[in-house]
C-alpha atoms as a PDB file:
ATOM      1  CA  UNK A   1     164.733 267.460 312.228  1.00  0.00           C
ATOM      2  CA  UNK A   2     168.553 267.436 312.171  1.00  0.00           C
ATOM      3  CA  UNK A   3     168.662 270.629 314.238  1.00  0.00           C
ATOM      4  CA  UNK A   4     166.269 269.188 316.845  1.00  0.00           C
ATOM      5  CA  UNK A   5     168.334 265.972 316.961  1.00  0.00           C
ATOM      6  CA  UNK A   6     171.519 267.978 317.510  1.00  0.00           C
ATOM      7  CA  UNK A   7     169.872 270.024 320.253  1.00  0.00           C
ATOM      8  CA  UNK A   8     168.676 266.806 321.886  1.00  0.00           C
ATOM      9  CA  UNK A   9     172.182 265.351 321.915  1.00  0.00           C
ATOM     10  CA  UNK A  10     173.588 268.587 323.303  1.00  0.00           C
ATOM     11  CA  UNK A  11     171.003 268.554 326.083  1.00  0.00           C
ATOM     12  CA  UNK A  12     171.789 264.923 326.891  1.00  0.00           C
ATOM     13  CA  UNK A  13     175.499 265.733 327.028  1.00  0.00           C
ATOM     14  CA  UNK A  14     174.845 268.652 329.338  1.00  0.00           C
ATOM     15  CA  UNK A  15     172.687 266.558 331.654  1.00  0.00           C
ATOM     16  CA  UNK A  16     175.093 263.603 331.797  1.00  0.00           C
ATOM     17  CA  UNK A  17     177.454 265.097 334.426  1.00  0.00           C
ATOM     18  CA  UNK A  18     174.485 265.992 336.597  1.00  0.00           C
ATOM     19  CA  UNK A  19     173.105 262.442 336.225  1.00  0.00           C
ATOM     20  CA  UNK A  20     176.439 261.004 337.278  1.00  0.00           C
ATOM     21  CA  UNK A  21     176.642 263.334 340.306  1.00  0.00           C
ATOM     22  CA  UNK A  22     173.058 262.442 341.234  1.00  0.00           C
ATOM     23  CA  UNK A  23     174.123 258.827 341.519  1.00  0.00           C
ATOM     24  CA  UNK A  24     177.091 259.816 343.662  1.00  0.00           C
ATOM     25  CA  UNK A  25     179.657 259.124 340.937  1.00  0.00           C
ATOM     26  CA  UNK A  26     182.761 261.296 340.727  1.00  0.00           C
ATOM     27  CA  UNK A  27     184.277 261.346 337.256  1.00  0.00           C
ATOM     28  CA  UNK A  28     187.864 262.351 336.460  1.00  0.00           C
ATOM     29  CA  UNK A  29     188.429 265.264 334.094  1.00  0.00           C
ATOM     30  CA  UNK A  30     190.273 263.234 331.443  1.00  0.00           C
ATOM     31  CA  UNK A  31     188.569 261.014 328.828  1.00  0.00           C
ATOM     32  CA  UNK A  32     187.586 257.542 329.977  1.00  0.00           C
ATOM     33  CA  UNK A  33     189.669 254.701 328.528  1.00  0.00           C
ATOM     34  CA  UNK A  34     188.024 251.489 327.353  1.00  0.00           C
ATOM     35  CA  UNK A  35     190.817 248.947 327.050  1.00  0.00           C
ATOM     36  CA  UNK A  36     190.200 246.166 324.540  1.00  0.00           C
ATOM     37  CA  UNK A  37     192.815 243.377 324.830  1.00  0.00           C
ATOM     38  CA  UNK A  38     192.343 242.464 321.161  1.00  0.00           C
ATOM     39  CA  UNK A  39     193.472 243.909 317.854  1.00  0.00           C
ATOM     40  CA  UNK A  40     191.762 246.909 316.275  1.00  0.00           C
ATOM     41  CA  UNK A  41     189.126 246.061 313.684  1.00  0.00           C
ATOM     42  CA  UNK A  42     188.520 242.542 315.009  1.00  0.00           C
ATOM     43  CA  UNK A  43     185.319 240.854 316.197  1.00  0.00           C
ATOM     44  CA  UNK A  44     185.728 242.205 319.738  1.00  0.00           C
ATOM     45  CA  UNK A  45     186.957 245.670 318.844  1.00  0.00           C
ATOM     46  CA  UNK A  46     184.052 246.516 316.505  1.00  0.00           C
ATOM     47  CA  UNK A  47     181.286 245.971 319.122  1.00  0.00           C
ATOM     48  CA  UNK A  48     183.416 247.694 321.756  1.00  0.00           C
ATOM     49  CA  UNK A  49     183.631 250.835 319.617  1.00  0.00           C
ATOM     50  CA  UNK A  50     179.897 250.801 318.915  1.00  0.00           C
ATOM     51  CA  UNK A  51     179.109 250.588 322.618  1.00  0.00           C
ATOM     52  CA  UNK A  52     181.778 253.136 323.604  1.00  0.00           C
ATOM     53  CA  UNK A  53     180.539 255.706 321.120  1.00  0.00           C
ATOM     54  CA  UNK A  54     176.975 255.483 322.361  1.00  0.00           C
ATOM     55  CA  UNK A  55     178.034 255.384 326.031  1.00  0.00           C
ATOM     56  CA  UNK A  56     179.909 258.646 325.497  1.00  0.00           C
ATOM     57  CA  UNK A  57     176.566 260.377 325.067  1.00  0.00           C
ATOM     58  CA  UNK A  58     175.528 259.414 328.595  1.00  0.00           C
ATOM     59  CA  UNK A  59     178.765 260.050 330.505  1.00  0.00           C
ATOM     60  CA  UNK A  60     180.497 263.340 331.361  1.00  0.00           C
ATOM     61  CA  UNK A  61     183.593 262.472 329.294  1.00  0.00           C
ATOM     62  CA  UNK A  62     184.132 260.814 325.957  1.00  0.00           C
ATOM     63  CA  UNK A  63     185.228 257.167 325.997  1.00  0.00           C
ATOM     64  CA  UNK A  64     188.388 256.439 324.016  1.00  0.00           C
ATOM     65  CA  UNK A  65     188.968 252.830 322.927  1.00  0.00           C
ATOM     66  CA  UNK A  66     192.534 251.641 323.465  1.00  0.00           C
ATOM     67  CA  UNK A  67     193.685 248.334 321.959  1.00  0.00           C
ATOM     68  CA  UNK A  68     196.323 246.671 324.164  1.00  0.00           C
ATOM     69  CA  UNK A  69     197.265 243.270 322.786  1.00  0.00           C
ATOM     70  CA  UNK A  70     199.874 240.714 323.760  1.00  0.00           C
ATOM     71  CA  UNK A  71     200.128 237.379 325.585  1.00  0.00           C
ATOM     72  CA  UNK A  72     196.562 236.580 324.694  1.00  0.00           C
ATOM     73  CA  UNK A  73     194.449 238.979 326.747  1.00  0.00           C
ATOM     74  CA  UNK A  74     196.966 239.276 329.577  1.00  0.00           C
ATOM     75  CA  UNK A  75     198.699 242.578 328.801  1.00  0.00           C
ATOM     76  CA  UNK A  76     195.545 244.584 328.165  1.00  0.00           C
ATOM     77  CA  UNK A  77     193.711 243.036 331.099  1.00  0.00           C
ATOM     78  CA  UNK A  78     196.623 243.744 333.445  1.00  0.00           C
ATOM     79  CA  UNK A  79     196.568 247.413 332.420  1.00  0.00           C
ATOM     80  CA  UNK A  80     193.024 247.657 333.768  1.00  0.00           C
ATOM     81  CA  UNK A  81     193.719 245.560 336.862  1.00  0.00           C
ATOM     82  CA  UNK A  82     196.406 248.038 337.910  1.00  0.00           C
ATOM     83  CA  UNK A  83     194.564 251.213 336.864  1.00  0.00           C
ATOM     84  CA  UNK A  84     193.214 253.750 339.386  1.00  0.00           C
ATOM     85  CA  UNK A  85     189.862 252.760 340.869  1.00  0.00           C
ATOM     86  CA  UNK A  86     188.076 255.874 339.677  1.00  0.00           C
ATOM     87  CA  UNK A  87     185.956 254.764 336.727  1.00  0.00           C
ATOM     88  CA  UNK A  88     188.396 256.242 334.224  1.00  0.00           C
ATOM     89  CA  UNK A  89     189.581 252.863 332.893  1.00  0.00           C
ATOM     90  CA  UNK A  90     187.180 250.184 331.642  1.00  0.00           C
ATOM     91  CA  UNK A  91     187.858 246.696 330.309  1.00  0.00           C
ATOM     92  CA  UNK A  92     185.858 245.381 327.352  1.00  0.00           C
ATOM     93  CA  UNK A  93     186.581 241.678 327.098  1.00  0.00           C
ATOM     94  CA  UNK A  94     185.245 238.241 326.209  1.00  0.00           C
ATOM     95  CA  UNK A  95     184.989 234.663 327.463  1.00  0.00           C
ATOM     96  CA  UNK A  96     188.800 234.650 327.548  1.00  0.00           C
ATOM     97  CA  UNK A  97     188.532 236.458 330.893  1.00  0.00           C
ATOM     98  CA  UNK A  98     186.813 233.417 332.386  1.00  0.00           C
ATOM     99  CA  UNK A  99     189.445 230.936 331.210  1.00  0.00           C
ATOM    100  CA  UNK A 100     192.735 232.841 331.409  1.00  0.00           C
ATOM    101  CA  UNK A 101     193.477 231.559 334.920  1.00  0.00           C
ATOM    102  CA  UNK A 102     193.154 227.927 333.802  1.00  0.00           C
ATOM    103  CA  UNK A 103     195.089 228.335 330.549  1.00  0.00           C
ATOM    104  CA  UNK A 104     198.232 230.029 331.880  1.00  0.00           C
ATOM    105  CA  UNK A 105     200.596 228.920 334.621  1.00  0.00           C
ATOM    106  CA  UNK A 106     201.082 232.485 335.839  1.00  0.00           C
ATOM    107  CA  UNK A 107     199.129 235.665 335.283  1.00  0.00           C
ATOM    108  CA  UNK A 108     199.772 239.030 336.988  1.00  0.00           C
ATOM    109  CA  UNK A 109     196.161 239.525 338.087  1.00  0.00           C
ATOM    110  CA  UNK A 110     193.197 237.621 339.468  1.00  0.00           C
ATOM    111  CA  UNK A 111     190.297 237.679 336.955  1.00  0.00           C
ATOM    112  CA  UNK A 112     187.782 237.673 339.811  1.00  0.00           C
ATOM    113  CA  UNK A 113     189.355 239.457 342.788  1.00  0.00           C
ATOM    114  CA  UNK A 114     190.923 242.272 340.745  1.00  0.00           C
ATOM    115  CA  UNK A 115     187.791 243.212 338.769  1.00  0.00           C
ATOM    116  CA  UNK A 116     184.221 244.312 339.273  1.00  0.00           C
ATOM    117  CA  UNK A 117     181.877 243.258 336.450  1.00  0.00           C
ATOM    118  CA  UNK A 118     179.737 246.153 335.255  1.00  0.00           C
ATOM    119  CA  UNK A 119     177.484 244.729 332.544  1.00  0.00           C
ATOM    120  CA  UNK A 120     177.161 241.777 330.198  1.00  0.00           C
ATOM    121  CA  UNK A 121     176.821 243.219 326.686  1.00  0.00           C
ATOM    122  CA  UNK A 122     175.771 240.096 324.795  1.00  0.00           C
ATOM    123  CA  UNK A 123     176.425 236.512 323.769  1.00  0.00           C
ATOM    124  CA  UNK A 124     177.394 235.087 320.371  1.00  0.00           C
ATOM    125  CA  UNK A 125     176.422 231.436 319.785  1.00  0.00           C
ATOM    126  CA  UNK A 126     178.374 228.778 317.902  1.00  0.00           C
ATOM    127  CA  UNK A 127     177.301 226.624 314.960  1.00  0.00           C
ATOM    128  CA  UNK A 128     178.683 223.186 314.124  1.00  0.00           C
ATOM    129  CA  UNK A 129     179.587 222.917 310.444  1.00  0.00           C
ATOM    130  CA  UNK A 130     180.622 219.782 308.581  1.00  0.00           C
ATOM    131  CA  UNK A 131     181.781 219.192 305.036  1.00  0.00           C
ATOM    132  CA  UNK A 132     178.878 218.097 302.762  1.00  0.00           C
ATOM    133  CA  UNK A 133     180.754 214.911 301.971  1.00  0.00           C
ATOM    134  CA  UNK A 134     180.885 213.812 305.593  1.00  0.00           C
ATOM    135  CA  UNK A 135     178.556 210.820 306.161  1.00  0.00           C
ATOM    136  CA  UNK A 136     176.299 212.512 308.731  1.00  0.00           C
ATOM    137  CA  UNK A 137     173.351 214.741 307.962  1.00  0.00           C
ATOM    138  CA  UNK A 138     172.201 215.253 311.558  1.00  0.00           C
ATOM    139  CA  UNK A 139     173.902 215.690 314.908  1.00  0.00           C
ATOM    140  CA  UNK A 140     172.818 212.237 316.181  1.00  0.00           C
ATOM    141  CA  UNK A 141     174.318 210.686 313.032  1.00  0.00           C
ATOM    142  CA  UNK A 142     177.522 212.673 313.571  1.00  0.00           C
ATOM    143  CA  UNK A 143     177.796 211.528 317.190  1.00  0.00           C
ATOM    144  CA  UNK A 144     177.203 207.900 316.206  1.00  0.00           C
ATOM    145  CA  UNK A 145     179.817 208.087 313.446  1.00  0.00           C
ATOM    146  CA  UNK A 146     182.472 209.609 315.715  1.00  0.00           C
ATOM    147  CA  UNK A 147     181.689 207.120 318.475  1.00  0.00           C
ATOM    148  CA  UNK A 148     182.159 204.258 316.013  1.00  0.00           C
ATOM    149  CA  UNK A 149     185.501 205.718 314.867  1.00  0.00           C
ATOM    150  CA  UNK A 150     187.235 207.069 317.984  1.00  0.00           C
ATOM    151  CA  UNK A 151     190.269 209.222 317.251  1.00  0.00           C
ATOM    152  CA  UNK A 152     189.963 208.867 313.500  1.00  0.00           C
ATOM    153  CA  UNK A 153     188.588 212.322 312.655  1.00  0.00           C
ATOM    154  CA  UNK A 154     189.843 215.858 313.219  1.00  0.00           C
ATOM    155  CA  UNK A 155     188.122 219.104 314.086  1.00  0.00           C
ATOM    156  CA  UNK A 156     189.420 222.612 313.457  1.00  0.00           C
ATOM    157  CA  UNK A 157     189.534 225.602 315.789  1.00  0.00           C
ATOM    158  CA  UNK A 158     190.530 229.244 315.592  1.00  0.00           C
ATOM    159  CA  UNK A 159     193.313 228.727 318.122  1.00  0.00           C
ATOM    160  CA  UNK A 160     194.369 226.749 321.159  1.00  0.00           C
ATOM    161  CA  UNK A 161     192.288 227.654 324.199  1.00  0.00           C
ATOM    162  CA  UNK A 162     189.957 229.959 322.265  1.00  0.00           C
ATOM    163  CA  UNK A 163     186.172 229.909 322.340  1.00  0.00           C
ATOM    164  CA  UNK A 164     185.906 227.608 319.302  1.00  0.00           C
ATOM    165  CA  UNK A 165     188.319 225.097 320.845  1.00  0.00           C
ATOM    166  CA  UNK A 166     186.592 225.154 324.231  1.00  0.00           C
ATOM    167  CA  UNK A 167     183.098 224.811 322.752  1.00  0.00           C
ATOM    168  CA  UNK A 168     184.267 221.797 320.753  1.00  0.00           C
ATOM    169  CA  UNK A 169     185.792 220.114 323.804  1.00  0.00           C
ATOM    170  CA  UNK A 170     182.625 220.797 325.783  1.00  0.00           C
ATOM    171  CA  UNK A 171     180.612 219.102 323.034  1.00  0.00           C
ATOM    172  CA  UNK A 172     182.892 216.048 322.957  1.00  0.00           C
ATOM    173  CA  UNK A 173     182.665 215.781 326.741  1.00  0.00           C
ATOM    174  CA  UNK A 174     178.896 216.235 327.032  1.00  0.00           C
ATOM    175  CA  UNK A 175     178.202 213.927 324.084  1.00  0.00           C
ATOM    176  CA  UNK A 176     179.590 211.049 326.097  1.00  0.00           C
ATOM    177  CA  UNK A 177     183.355 211.390 325.832  1.00  0.00           C
ATOM    178  CA  UNK A 178     183.779 211.381 322.057  1.00  0.00           C
ATOM    179  CA  UNK A 179     187.339 211.350 320.720  1.00  0.00           C
ATOM    180  CA  UNK A 180     188.447 213.675 317.922  1.00  0.00           C
ATOM    181  CA  UNK A 181     191.805 215.279 317.141  1.00  0.00           C
ATOM    182  CA  UNK A 182     192.137 219.036 317.589  1.00  0.00           C
ATOM    183  CA  UNK A 183     193.809 221.004 314.784  1.00  0.00           C
ATOM    184  CA  UNK A 184     194.444 224.622 315.809  1.00  0.00           C
ATOM    185  CA  UNK A 185     194.724 227.458 313.305  1.00  0.00           C
ATOM    186  CA  UNK A 186     195.388 231.169 313.665  1.00  0.00           C
ATOM    187  CA  UNK A 187     191.780 232.203 313.320  1.00  0.00           C
ATOM    188  CA  UNK A 188     188.695 230.632 311.764  1.00  0.00           C
ATOM    189  CA  UNK A 189     189.429 232.119 308.353  1.00  0.00           C
ATOM    190  CA  UNK A 190     192.740 230.239 308.310  1.00  0.00           C
ATOM    191  CA  UNK A 191     190.957 226.976 309.149  1.00  0.00           C
ATOM    192  CA  UNK A 192     188.225 227.271 306.526  1.00  0.00           C
ATOM    193  CA  UNK A 193     190.232 226.222 303.420  1.00  0.00           C
ATOM    194  CA  UNK A 194     190.903 222.820 305.007  1.00  0.00           C
ATOM    195  CA  UNK A 195     187.284 222.460 306.155  1.00  0.00           C
ATOM    196  CA  UNK A 196     185.908 223.498 302.748  1.00  0.00           C
ATOM    197  CA  UNK A 197     188.238 221.011 301.045  1.00  0.00           C
ATOM    198  CA  UNK A 198     187.119 218.204 303.360  1.00  0.00           C
ATOM    199  CA  UNK A 199     190.584 217.633 304.801  1.00  0.00           C
ATOM    200  CA  UNK A 200     189.133 218.497 308.231  1.00  0.00           C
ATOM    201  CA  UNK A 201     185.481 217.463 308.444  1.00  0.00           C
ATOM    202  CA  UNK A 202     184.201 219.697 311.286  1.00  0.00           C
ATOM    203  CA  UNK A 203     184.450 223.113 312.889  1.00  0.00           C
ATOM    204  CA  UNK A 204     182.248 224.528 315.656  1.00  0.00           C
ATOM    205  CA  UNK A 205     182.564 228.196 314.767  1.00  0.00           C
ATOM    206  CA  UNK A 206     181.047 231.437 316.012  1.00  0.00           C
ATOM    207  CA  UNK A 207     177.752 232.177 314.269  1.00  0.00           C
ATOM    208  CA  UNK A 208     178.938 235.348 312.524  1.00  0.00           C
ATOM    209  CA  UNK A 209     181.623 233.348 310.711  1.00  0.00           C
ATOM    210  CA  UNK A 210     179.608 230.164 310.225  1.00  0.00           C
ATOM    211  CA  UNK A 211     176.353 231.520 308.786  1.00  0.00           C
ATOM    212  CA  UNK A 212     177.691 232.642 305.365  1.00  0.00           C
ATOM    213  CA  UNK A 213     179.131 229.176 304.645  1.00  0.00           C
ATOM    214  CA  UNK A 214     175.867 227.592 305.712  1.00  0.00           C
ATOM    215  CA  UNK A 215     173.771 229.949 303.599  1.00  0.00           C
ATOM    216  CA  UNK A 216     175.883 229.353 300.487  1.00  0.00           C
ATOM    217  CA  UNK A 217     175.587 225.594 300.948  1.00  0.00           C
ATOM    218  CA  UNK A 218     179.349 225.182 301.159  1.00  0.00           C
ATOM    219  CA  UNK A 219     179.123 223.532 304.573  1.00  0.00           C
ATOM    220  CA  UNK A 220     176.291 221.749 306.378  1.00  0.00           C
ATOM    221  CA  UNK A 221     175.057 223.100 309.723  1.00  0.00           C
ATOM    222  CA  UNK A 222     174.216 220.372 312.227  1.00  0.00           C
ATOM    223  CA  UNK A 223     173.528 222.299 315.435  1.00  0.00           C
ATOM    224  CA  UNK A 224     173.576 225.703 317.121  1.00  0.00           C
ATOM    225  CA  UNK A 225     174.754 226.178 320.696  1.00  0.00           C
ATOM    226  CA  UNK A 226     171.760 228.111 322.065  1.00  0.00           C
ATOM    227  CA  UNK A 227     169.241 226.722 324.549  1.00  0.00           C
ATOM    228  CA  UNK A 228     166.415 227.272 322.073  1.00  0.00           C
ATOM    229  CA  UNK A 229     166.483 227.725 318.298  1.00  0.00           C
ATOM    230  CA  UNK A 230     167.906 231.064 317.276  1.00  0.00           C
ATOM    231  CA  UNK A 231     166.454 233.639 314.871  1.00  0.00           C
ATOM    232  CA  UNK A 232     169.958 233.754 313.416  1.00  0.00           C
ATOM    233  CA  UNK A 233     169.465 230.261 311.986  1.00  0.00           C
ATOM    234  CA  UNK A 234     165.881 229.137 312.704  1.00  0.00           C
ATOM    235  CA  UNK A 235     166.180 225.914 310.705  1.00  0.00           C
ATOM    236  CA  UNK A 236     169.243 224.709 312.596  1.00  0.00           C
ATOM    237  CA  UNK A 237     168.414 222.500 315.612  1.00  0.00           C
ATOM    238  CA  UNK A 238     170.074 223.012 318.962  1.00  0.00           C
ATOM    239  CA  UNK A 239     172.596 220.588 320.424  1.00  0.00           C
ATOM    240  CA  UNK A 240     169.997 219.831 323.066  1.00  0.00           C
ATOM    241  CA  UNK A 241     167.542 218.771 320.344  1.00  0.00           C
ATOM    242  CA  UNK A 242     170.307 216.656 318.831  1.00  0.00           C
ATOM    243  CA  UNK A 243     170.787 214.612 321.982  1.00  0.00           C
ATOM    244  CA  UNK A 244     173.371 216.562 324.018  1.00  0.00           C
ATOM    245  CA  UNK A 245     171.446 217.565 327.177  1.00  0.00           C
ATOM    246  CA  UNK A 246     172.203 220.975 328.621  1.00  0.00           C
ATOM    247  CA  UNK A 247     174.724 221.951 325.967  1.00  0.00           C
ATOM    248  CA  UNK A 248     175.174 225.712 325.573  1.00  0.00           C
ATOM    249  CA  UNK A 249     178.293 227.573 324.490  1.00  0.00           C
ATOM    250  CA  UNK A 250     178.925 231.191 323.598  1.00  0.00           C
ATOM    251  CA  UNK A 251     181.593 233.724 323.282  1.00  0.00           C
ATOM    252  CA  UNK A 252     180.410 236.789 325.147  1.00  0.00           C
ATOM    253  CA  UNK A 253     181.291 240.432 325.701  1.00  0.00           C
ATOM    254  CA  UNK A 254     181.432 242.151 329.083  1.00  0.00           C
ATOM    255  CA  UNK A 255     182.474 245.497 330.584  1.00  0.00           C
ATOM    256  CA  UNK A 256     184.477 245.428 333.833  1.00  0.00           C
ATOM    257  CA  UNK A 257     186.362 247.930 335.997  1.00  0.00           C
ATOM    258  CA  UNK A 258     189.141 247.546 338.578  1.00  0.00           C
ATOM    259  CA  UNK A 259     187.972 246.057 341.850  1.00  0.00           C
ATOM    260  CA  UNK A 260     187.396 248.768 344.430  1.00  0.00           C
ATOM    261  CA  UNK A 261     185.825 251.230 342.005  1.00  0.00           C
ATOM    262  CA  UNK A 262     183.097 253.033 344.023  1.00  0.00           C
ATOM    263  CA  UNK A 263     179.688 251.409 343.699  1.00  0.00           C
ATOM    264  CA  UNK A 264     177.948 254.609 342.519  1.00  0.00           C
ATOM    265  CA  UNK A 265     180.472 254.905 339.692  1.00  0.00           C
ATOM    266  CA  UNK A 266     179.923 251.263 338.738  1.00  0.00           C
ATOM    267  CA  UNK A 267     176.168 251.904 338.672  1.00  0.00           C
ATOM    268  CA  UNK A 268     176.609 254.975 336.487  1.00  0.00           C
ATOM    269  CA  UNK A 269     178.719 253.030 333.976  1.00  0.00           C
ATOM    270  CA  UNK A 270     176.210 250.182 334.029  1.00  0.00           C
ATOM    271  CA  UNK A 271     173.394 252.604 333.254  1.00  0.00           C
ATOM    272  CA  UNK A 272     175.410 254.006 330.361  1.00  0.00           C
ATOM    273  CA  UNK A 273     176.048 250.519 328.920  1.00  0.00           C
ATOM    274  CA  UNK A 274     172.374 249.574 329.157  1.00  0.00           C
ATOM    275  CA  UNK A 275     171.333 252.900 327.680  1.00  0.00           C
ATOM    276  CA  UNK A 276     173.698 252.317 324.748  1.00  0.00           C
ATOM    277  CA  UNK A 277     172.290 248.824 324.171  1.00  0.00           C
ATOM    278  CA  UNK A 278     168.790 250.261 324.197  1.00  0.00           C
ATOM    279  CA  UNK A 279     169.524 252.379 321.122  1.00  0.00           C
ATOM    280  CA  UNK A 280     167.979 250.633 318.132  1.00  0.00           C
ATOM    281  CA  UNK A 281     170.818 251.402 315.714  1.00  0.00           C
ATOM    282  CA  UNK A 282     173.407 249.976 318.117  1.00  0.00           C
ATOM    283  CA  UNK A 283     171.302 246.921 318.872  1.00  0.00           C
ATOM    284  CA  UNK A 284     170.655 246.245 315.195  1.00  0.00           C
ATOM    285  CA  UNK A 285     174.349 246.492 314.349  1.00  0.00           C
ATOM    286  CA  UNK A 286     175.281 244.086 317.130  1.00  0.00           C
ATOM    287  CA  UNK A 287     172.550 241.694 315.969  1.00  0.00           C
ATOM    288  CA  UNK A 288     174.069 241.864 312.479  1.00  0.00           C
ATOM    289  CA  UNK A 289     177.281 240.620 314.126  1.00  0.00           C
ATOM    290  CA  UNK A 290     175.295 237.611 315.448  1.00  0.00           C
ATOM    291  CA  UNK A 291     175.225 238.898 319.018  1.00  0.00           C
ATOM    292  CA  UNK A 292     172.278 238.236 321.307  1.00  0.00           C
ATOM    293  CA  UNK A 293     172.177 241.580 323.106  1.00  0.00           C
ATOM    294  CA  UNK A 294     171.564 241.715 326.877  1.00  0.00           C
ATOM    295  CA  UNK A 295     169.739 244.964 327.658  1.00  0.00           C
ATOM    296  CA  UNK A 296     169.111 244.742 331.397  1.00  0.00           C
ATOM    297  CA  UNK A 297     172.363 243.426 332.866  1.00  0.00           C
ATOM    298  CA  UNK A 298     173.274 244.575 336.373  1.00  0.00           C
ATOM    299  CA  UNK A 299     176.677 244.452 338.090  1.00  0.00           C
ATOM    300  CA  UNK A 300     175.323 241.625 340.236  1.00  0.00           C
ATOM    301  CA  UNK A 301     173.994 239.550 337.340  1.00  0.00           C
ATOM    302  CA  UNK A 302     177.206 240.139 335.368  1.00  0.00           C
ATOM    303  CA  UNK A 303     179.279 238.953 338.332  1.00  0.00           C
ATOM    304  CA  UNK A 304     177.131 235.846 338.720  1.00  0.00           C
ATOM    305  CA  UNK A 305     177.422 235.122 334.993  1.00  0.00           C
ATOM    306  CA  UNK A 306     181.209 235.426 335.134  1.00  0.00           C
ATOM    307  CA  UNK A 307     181.395 233.057 338.102  1.00  0.00           C
ATOM    308  CA  UNK A 308     179.199 230.525 336.286  1.00  0.00           C
ATOM    309  CA  UNK A 309     181.394 230.702 333.179  1.00  0.00           C
ATOM    310  CA  UNK A 310     184.553 230.102 335.199  1.00  0.00           C
ATOM    311  CA  UNK A 311     182.891 227.127 336.904  1.00  0.00           C
ATOM    312  CA  UNK A 312     181.797 225.799 333.510  1.00  0.00           C
ATOM    313  CA  UNK A 313     185.036 226.100 331.548  1.00  0.00           C
ATOM    314  CA  UNK A 314     187.829 225.457 334.042  1.00  0.00           C
ATOM    315  CA  UNK A 315     186.958 221.735 334.515  1.00  0.00           C
ATOM    316  CA  UNK A 316     186.784 221.255 330.734  1.00  0.00           C
ATOM    317  CA  UNK A 317     190.197 222.875 330.315  1.00  0.00           C
ATOM    318  CA  UNK A 318     191.709 220.659 333.003  1.00  0.00           C
ATOM    319  CA  UNK A 319     190.069 217.476 331.688  1.00  0.00           C
ATOM    320  CA  UNK A 320     191.248 218.130 328.116  1.00  0.00           C
ATOM    321  CA  UNK A 321     194.718 219.221 329.253  1.00  0.00           C
ATOM    322  CA  UNK A 322     194.458 222.507 327.356  1.00  0.00           C
ATOM    323  CA  UNK A 323     197.310 224.969 327.860  1.00  0.00           C
ATOM    324  CA  UNK A 324     197.926 228.321 326.191  1.00  0.00           C
ATOM    325  CA  UNK A 325     200.610 228.366 323.537  1.00  0.00           C
END
């Protein structure tokens, strides 16, 4: 069985260049770079490496993940914006790409004009957690309590302008203009001691981080940010069920290339991403990381999704006066 598997992989590798040429794609001789504008080993880097490894089986050249951090996502993203338009340099990024223009006074690239979206990899929902001692057992009770005590209570986030912060501000806005005080930390793990101790009563955290606290009974889950209940936490109602119409919030992962990359090359990379996400082992691992995998994304649907996210988040950022620190 192992020998047949190895022969199958070898055959796939041999056919990959021909598949790319059949689609009209011209690939450079050097390895393809996948730039991740986040630190190695983090919640963005791990899925990026899973996808890159599997994509390498479908493309003529191996994909090498390169972590380029600094100034939020700006340095790594700018590397890709200014890279040759030949399919050799990919960007693997998150919701930060949709909000960077609103958060910073100046950035050296345009997140829309300078990039072509290739494929949406997946979305990770958020879960609202409160300390068990907080006098609200449901989301409607929480909303009523905050409305009766405007500005009295705090909420924690993993950092100013990050997905947790933005999702919280979206909730406050869509719940009727609730007032809470934002306390920013350097990551969710840094915020959790204060939440667990009850010094900060609420955090709206990404599901992968939130679920263990919920399962251990250390914090109470009031709502999940999906449109419908999620298999990740089937007993947790949605914000929509809790009386916040239309509320959805995710951090998401997407592959992009420099604008002007030939369309056949974009299509070939898209096919490789979707093929990687179709592999059960990859999909299962991403699901373990609380990601809702998107298996049939196209460059067009990814571009439309990015535009909708920019239109969603930029008004919230302006209304809340959020600036990058």
